[in-house]
N, C-alpha and C. Protein backbone atom coordinates (compact mmCIF):
# COMPACT_ATOMS: atom_id res chain seq x y z
N MET A 1 72.79 32.12 -170.09
CA MET A 1 73.19 32.61 -168.79
C MET A 1 74.50 31.93 -168.39
N LYS A 2 75.33 32.67 -167.70
CA LYS A 2 76.62 32.14 -167.27
C LYS A 2 76.54 31.60 -165.86
N CYS A 3 77.35 30.57 -165.61
CA CYS A 3 77.47 29.98 -164.28
C CYS A 3 78.00 31.05 -163.32
N THR A 4 77.40 31.14 -162.15
CA THR A 4 77.81 32.16 -161.19
C THR A 4 79.14 31.84 -160.51
N VAL A 5 79.62 30.61 -160.66
CA VAL A 5 80.87 30.20 -160.02
C VAL A 5 82.05 30.28 -160.98
N CYS A 6 81.93 29.60 -162.14
CA CYS A 6 83.08 29.51 -163.05
C CYS A 6 82.95 30.38 -164.29
N GLY A 7 81.75 30.86 -164.59
CA GLY A 7 81.57 31.74 -165.73
C GLY A 7 81.30 31.05 -167.05
N THR A 8 81.27 29.71 -167.08
CA THR A 8 80.95 29.03 -168.33
C THR A 8 79.45 29.09 -168.59
N LEU A 9 79.05 28.76 -169.78
CA LEU A 9 77.64 28.84 -170.13
C LEU A 9 76.84 27.76 -169.41
N ALA A 10 75.72 28.14 -168.87
CA ALA A 10 74.78 27.22 -168.24
C ALA A 10 73.46 27.36 -168.98
N SER A 11 72.47 26.57 -168.63
CA SER A 11 71.18 26.70 -169.29
C SER A 11 70.53 28.02 -168.90
N VAL A 12 69.44 28.35 -169.56
CA VAL A 12 68.80 29.65 -169.39
C VAL A 12 68.38 29.91 -167.95
N LYS A 13 67.81 28.93 -167.28
CA LYS A 13 67.30 29.13 -165.92
C LYS A 13 68.30 28.76 -164.84
N ALA A 14 69.37 28.05 -165.19
CA ALA A 14 70.30 27.54 -164.18
C ALA A 14 71.26 28.61 -163.68
N LEU A 15 71.58 28.54 -162.40
CA LEU A 15 72.59 29.42 -161.83
C LEU A 15 73.98 28.82 -161.97
N TYR A 16 74.04 27.48 -162.02
CA TYR A 16 75.32 26.78 -162.07
C TYR A 16 75.36 25.86 -163.28
N CYS A 17 76.57 25.63 -163.81
CA CYS A 17 76.71 24.79 -165.00
C CYS A 17 76.79 23.31 -164.65
N SER A 18 77.13 22.97 -163.42
CA SER A 18 77.26 21.56 -163.02
C SER A 18 77.02 21.42 -161.52
N ASN A 19 76.91 20.17 -161.10
CA ASN A 19 76.76 19.90 -159.67
C ASN A 19 78.02 20.30 -158.92
N ALA A 20 79.17 20.21 -159.58
CA ALA A 20 80.43 20.59 -158.94
C ALA A 20 80.43 22.09 -158.60
N CYS A 21 79.95 22.91 -159.52
CA CYS A 21 79.89 24.35 -159.26
C CYS A 21 78.85 24.67 -158.20
N ARG A 22 77.74 23.95 -158.19
CA ARG A 22 76.72 24.15 -157.17
C ARG A 22 77.32 23.84 -155.79
N GLN A 23 78.09 22.74 -155.71
CA GLN A 23 78.72 22.35 -154.45
C GLN A 23 79.77 23.38 -154.03
N LYS A 24 80.53 23.89 -154.99
CA LYS A 24 81.55 24.90 -154.67
C LYS A 24 80.89 26.17 -154.13
N ALA A 25 79.79 26.58 -154.73
CA ALA A 25 79.08 27.77 -154.25
C ALA A 25 78.57 27.55 -152.83
N TYR A 26 78.04 26.36 -152.56
CA TYR A 26 77.56 26.04 -151.21
C TYR A 26 78.71 26.11 -150.21
N ARG A 27 79.83 25.50 -150.56
CA ARG A 27 80.98 25.49 -149.66
C ARG A 27 81.52 26.90 -149.45
N ASN A 28 81.49 27.71 -150.49
CA ASN A 28 81.94 29.10 -150.33
C ASN A 28 81.02 29.87 -149.38
N ARG A 29 79.71 29.64 -149.50
CA ARG A 29 78.77 30.31 -148.60
C ARG A 29 78.95 29.85 -147.16
N GLN A 30 79.29 28.57 -146.98
CA GLN A 30 79.46 28.01 -145.64
C GLN A 30 80.87 28.22 -145.08
N GLY A 31 81.76 28.67 -145.92
CA GLY A 31 83.15 28.84 -145.49
C GLY A 31 83.91 27.53 -145.46
N ILE A 32 83.40 26.53 -146.18
CA ILE A 32 84.04 25.21 -146.23
C ILE A 32 84.79 25.10 -147.55
N CYS A 33 86.09 25.10 -147.48
CA CYS A 33 86.87 24.96 -148.70
C CYS A 33 88.25 24.45 -148.33
N ASP A 34 88.58 23.26 -148.80
CA ASP A 34 89.91 22.72 -148.55
C ASP A 34 90.61 22.43 -149.88
N GLU A 35 91.86 22.06 -149.82
CA GLU A 35 92.65 21.82 -151.03
C GLU A 35 92.06 20.71 -151.87
N ASN A 36 91.57 19.66 -151.22
CA ASN A 36 91.02 18.52 -151.95
C ASN A 36 89.80 18.91 -152.76
N SER A 37 88.90 19.69 -152.19
CA SER A 37 87.69 20.09 -152.91
C SER A 37 88.02 21.01 -154.07
N VAL A 38 89.00 21.88 -153.91
CA VAL A 38 89.41 22.77 -154.99
C VAL A 38 89.99 21.95 -156.14
N GLU A 39 90.80 20.96 -155.82
CA GLU A 39 91.40 20.11 -156.85
C GLU A 39 90.34 19.32 -157.60
N ILE A 40 89.36 18.80 -156.87
CA ILE A 40 88.28 18.04 -157.50
C ILE A 40 87.48 18.93 -158.45
N LEU A 41 87.20 20.14 -158.03
CA LEU A 41 86.46 21.06 -158.89
C LEU A 41 87.25 21.44 -160.14
N GLU A 42 88.56 21.63 -160.00
CA GLU A 42 89.38 21.95 -161.17
C GLU A 42 89.36 20.81 -162.18
N VAL A 43 89.44 19.58 -161.70
CA VAL A 43 89.40 18.42 -162.60
C VAL A 43 88.04 18.33 -163.28
N GLU A 44 86.97 18.56 -162.52
CA GLU A 44 85.62 18.51 -163.08
C GLU A 44 85.43 19.59 -164.15
N GLN A 45 85.93 20.78 -163.89
CA GLN A 45 85.80 21.86 -164.86
C GLN A 45 86.60 21.55 -166.13
N GLU A 46 87.77 20.95 -165.98
CA GLU A 46 88.57 20.58 -167.15
C GLU A 46 87.85 19.51 -167.97
N ARG A 47 87.25 18.53 -167.30
CA ARG A 47 86.50 17.49 -168.02
C ARG A 47 85.32 18.09 -168.76
N GLN A 48 84.63 19.02 -168.11
CA GLN A 48 83.48 19.66 -168.75
C GLN A 48 83.93 20.48 -169.97
N PHE A 49 85.05 21.18 -169.84
CA PHE A 49 85.58 21.96 -170.94
C PHE A 49 85.91 21.06 -172.12
N VAL A 50 86.56 19.92 -171.85
CA VAL A 50 86.91 18.98 -172.92
C VAL A 50 85.63 18.48 -173.59
N PHE A 51 84.61 18.15 -172.81
CA PHE A 51 83.36 17.63 -173.36
C PHE A 51 82.67 18.66 -174.25
N VAL A 52 82.55 19.89 -173.77
CA VAL A 52 81.86 20.94 -174.53
C VAL A 52 82.63 21.28 -175.80
N THR A 53 83.95 21.40 -175.68
CA THR A 53 84.77 21.73 -176.85
C THR A 53 84.73 20.61 -177.87
N ALA A 54 84.82 19.38 -177.41
CA ALA A 54 84.76 18.24 -178.33
C ALA A 54 83.40 18.18 -179.03
N ALA A 55 82.32 18.46 -178.31
CA ALA A 55 80.99 18.44 -178.91
C ALA A 55 80.87 19.48 -180.03
N ALA A 56 81.43 20.65 -179.80
CA ALA A 56 81.40 21.69 -180.83
C ALA A 56 82.22 21.27 -182.06
N LEU A 57 83.37 20.67 -181.83
CA LEU A 57 84.21 20.24 -182.95
C LEU A 57 83.59 19.06 -183.71
N ILE A 58 82.88 18.20 -183.00
CA ILE A 58 82.20 17.07 -183.67
C ILE A 58 81.16 17.60 -184.64
N GLN A 59 80.46 18.66 -184.27
CA GLN A 59 79.50 19.26 -185.18
C GLN A 59 80.19 19.94 -186.35
N GLN A 60 81.33 20.55 -186.08
CA GLN A 60 82.07 21.27 -187.12
C GLN A 60 82.73 20.31 -188.11
N TYR A 61 83.20 19.16 -187.62
CA TYR A 61 83.89 18.18 -188.46
C TYR A 61 83.19 16.83 -188.35
N PRO A 62 82.03 16.65 -189.01
CA PRO A 62 81.27 15.41 -188.87
C PRO A 62 81.97 14.19 -189.47
N SER A 63 82.98 14.39 -190.32
CA SER A 63 83.66 13.25 -190.92
C SER A 63 84.68 12.61 -189.98
N CYS A 64 85.05 13.30 -188.91
CA CYS A 64 86.00 12.77 -187.93
C CYS A 64 85.27 11.96 -186.86
N ALA A 65 85.92 10.93 -186.39
CA ALA A 65 85.34 10.10 -185.32
C ALA A 65 85.28 10.90 -184.02
N PRO A 66 84.16 10.84 -183.31
CA PRO A 66 84.04 11.57 -182.05
C PRO A 66 85.12 11.20 -181.03
N GLU A 67 85.51 9.92 -180.98
CA GLU A 67 86.55 9.49 -180.04
C GLU A 67 87.88 10.16 -180.37
N PHE A 68 88.17 10.29 -181.67
CA PHE A 68 89.41 10.95 -182.09
C PHE A 68 89.41 12.41 -181.64
N ILE A 69 88.30 13.09 -181.86
CA ILE A 69 88.21 14.52 -181.50
C ILE A 69 88.33 14.69 -179.98
N GLU A 70 87.70 13.81 -179.22
CA GLU A 70 87.78 13.91 -177.76
C GLU A 70 89.22 13.75 -177.28
N LYS A 71 89.94 12.79 -177.83
CA LYS A 71 91.34 12.58 -177.44
C LYS A 71 92.21 13.75 -177.90
N LEU A 72 91.92 14.29 -179.08
CA LEU A 72 92.67 15.43 -179.58
C LEU A 72 92.50 16.65 -178.67
N VAL A 73 91.27 16.92 -178.25
CA VAL A 73 91.00 18.05 -177.35
C VAL A 73 91.70 17.84 -176.01
N GLU A 74 91.63 16.62 -175.49
CA GLU A 74 92.30 16.33 -174.22
C GLU A 74 93.81 16.53 -174.33
N ALA A 75 94.38 16.08 -175.46
CA ALA A 75 95.82 16.26 -175.67
C ALA A 75 96.17 17.74 -175.76
N CYS A 76 95.33 18.52 -176.43
CA CYS A 76 95.58 19.97 -176.54
C CYS A 76 95.52 20.65 -175.18
N VAL A 77 94.55 20.26 -174.36
CA VAL A 77 94.43 20.85 -173.02
C VAL A 77 95.66 20.53 -172.19
N GLN A 78 96.11 19.29 -172.23
CA GLN A 78 97.25 18.88 -171.42
C GLN A 78 98.56 19.50 -171.88
N THR A 79 98.70 19.73 -173.18
CA THR A 79 99.95 20.28 -173.71
C THR A 79 99.87 21.78 -173.96
N GLU A 80 98.68 22.38 -173.69
CA GLU A 80 98.45 23.81 -173.90
C GLU A 80 98.66 24.22 -175.36
N PHE A 81 98.29 23.32 -176.27
CA PHE A 81 98.36 23.62 -177.70
C PHE A 81 97.00 24.16 -178.13
N PRO A 82 96.95 25.16 -179.02
CA PRO A 82 95.66 25.72 -179.45
C PRO A 82 94.77 24.66 -180.12
N ILE A 83 93.57 24.50 -179.59
CA ILE A 83 92.66 23.46 -180.07
C ILE A 83 92.25 23.70 -181.51
N GLU A 84 91.97 24.94 -181.86
CA GLU A 84 91.54 25.24 -183.23
C GLU A 84 92.62 24.87 -184.26
N GLN A 85 93.88 25.11 -183.93
CA GLN A 85 94.96 24.74 -184.85
C GLN A 85 95.05 23.23 -185.01
N ALA A 86 94.94 22.52 -183.91
CA ALA A 86 95.00 21.05 -183.98
C ALA A 86 93.83 20.50 -184.78
N ALA A 87 92.63 21.06 -184.56
CA ALA A 87 91.46 20.60 -185.31
C ALA A 87 91.61 20.90 -186.80
N GLN A 88 92.14 22.06 -187.11
CA GLN A 88 92.36 22.42 -188.51
C GLN A 88 93.36 21.46 -189.16
N ARG A 89 94.40 21.09 -188.40
CA ARG A 89 95.43 20.21 -188.92
C ARG A 89 94.90 18.79 -189.12
N TYR A 90 94.28 18.22 -188.10
CA TYR A 90 93.91 16.81 -188.15
C TYR A 90 92.50 16.55 -188.67
N CYS A 91 91.54 17.39 -188.34
CA CYS A 91 90.18 17.17 -188.81
C CYS A 91 89.94 17.84 -190.16
N GLY A 92 90.53 19.01 -190.35
CA GLY A 92 90.39 19.71 -191.62
C GLY A 92 91.43 19.29 -192.64
N ARG A 93 92.37 18.46 -192.21
CA ARG A 93 93.43 17.92 -193.06
C ARG A 93 94.25 19.03 -193.75
N ASP A 94 94.52 20.09 -192.98
CA ASP A 94 95.35 21.19 -193.47
C ASP A 94 96.77 20.97 -192.93
N TYR A 95 97.59 20.32 -193.74
CA TYR A 95 98.92 19.92 -193.27
C TYR A 95 99.93 21.07 -193.27
N SER A 96 99.49 22.26 -193.64
CA SER A 96 100.38 23.41 -193.56
C SER A 96 100.43 23.98 -192.13
N VAL A 97 99.48 23.55 -191.29
CA VAL A 97 99.44 24.02 -189.90
C VAL A 97 100.45 23.20 -189.09
N PRO A 98 101.43 23.87 -188.47
CA PRO A 98 102.42 23.12 -187.70
C PRO A 98 101.86 22.68 -186.34
N VAL A 99 102.31 21.52 -185.88
CA VAL A 99 101.94 21.04 -184.54
C VAL A 99 103.21 20.76 -183.76
N SER A 100 103.10 20.80 -182.45
CA SER A 100 104.27 20.57 -181.60
C SER A 100 104.50 19.08 -181.42
N SER A 101 105.74 18.72 -181.20
CA SER A 101 106.07 17.31 -180.97
C SER A 101 105.46 16.83 -179.65
N THR A 102 105.31 17.73 -178.68
CA THR A 102 104.71 17.37 -177.40
C THR A 102 103.26 16.94 -177.59
N LEU A 103 102.52 17.66 -178.44
CA LEU A 103 101.14 17.29 -178.73
C LEU A 103 101.08 15.91 -179.37
N VAL A 104 101.93 15.66 -180.34
CA VAL A 104 101.94 14.38 -181.04
C VAL A 104 102.26 13.25 -180.06
N GLU A 105 103.24 13.44 -179.21
CA GLU A 105 103.62 12.42 -178.22
C GLU A 105 102.49 12.16 -177.23
N TYR A 106 101.86 13.22 -176.74
CA TYR A 106 100.80 13.05 -175.76
C TYR A 106 99.59 12.36 -176.39
N TYR A 107 99.23 12.76 -177.61
CA TYR A 107 98.11 12.12 -178.29
C TYR A 107 98.39 10.64 -178.53
N THR A 108 99.61 10.33 -178.96
CA THR A 108 100.00 8.94 -179.21
C THR A 108 99.86 8.11 -177.93
N GLU A 109 100.28 8.68 -176.81
CA GLU A 109 100.17 7.98 -175.53
C GLU A 109 98.70 7.77 -175.14
N LEU A 110 97.86 8.78 -175.32
CA LEU A 110 96.42 8.64 -175.04
C LEU A 110 95.81 7.52 -175.88
N HIS A 111 96.17 7.50 -177.15
CA HIS A 111 95.64 6.49 -178.07
C HIS A 111 96.10 5.09 -177.65
N ARG A 112 97.36 4.96 -177.24
CA ARG A 112 97.90 3.66 -176.83
C ARG A 112 97.17 3.16 -175.59
N VAL A 113 96.96 4.02 -174.62
CA VAL A 113 96.26 3.64 -173.39
C VAL A 113 94.82 3.25 -173.69
N ALA A 114 94.15 3.99 -174.56
CA ALA A 114 92.76 3.68 -174.92
C ALA A 114 92.67 2.30 -175.59
N ARG A 115 93.64 1.98 -176.44
CA ARG A 115 93.65 0.66 -177.08
C ARG A 115 93.84 -0.45 -176.06
N GLN A 116 94.73 -0.23 -175.09
CA GLN A 116 94.96 -1.25 -174.06
C GLN A 116 93.70 -1.47 -173.23
N ILE A 117 93.01 -0.40 -172.90
CA ILE A 117 91.78 -0.52 -172.11
C ILE A 117 90.71 -1.25 -172.90
N SER A 118 90.60 -0.97 -174.18
CA SER A 118 89.56 -1.62 -175.00
C SER A 118 89.84 -3.10 -175.20
N GLN A 119 91.09 -3.52 -175.07
CA GLN A 119 91.43 -4.93 -175.24
C GLN A 119 91.18 -5.75 -173.98
N LEU A 120 90.94 -5.08 -172.86
CA LEU A 120 90.69 -5.81 -171.60
C LEU A 120 89.34 -6.45 -171.56
């Protein structure tokens, strides 16, 4: 069954895919909707998309580290690079697939920040 708010897949009995969508539906029914709540919901939906996509790729490419795949998906979302192409290139080790320099730079920055956080 699909979420009645955002259209992503939800469980069989659920009307909403997350608490954020449930809250958005409530606010829509009540006529309560401001810029801040819309922005929060967009961020939540993007995080959920990254999580679901990364989970699917982790099953598809079990030899790749889950942390690597999660950062790769996040970099693809931020740079608007096709996720399947990036996964084929880095997880499937198909070096004939071209990648953009923006994706490489963004991924490198994500990796650098993650290393700094882990050293704290």
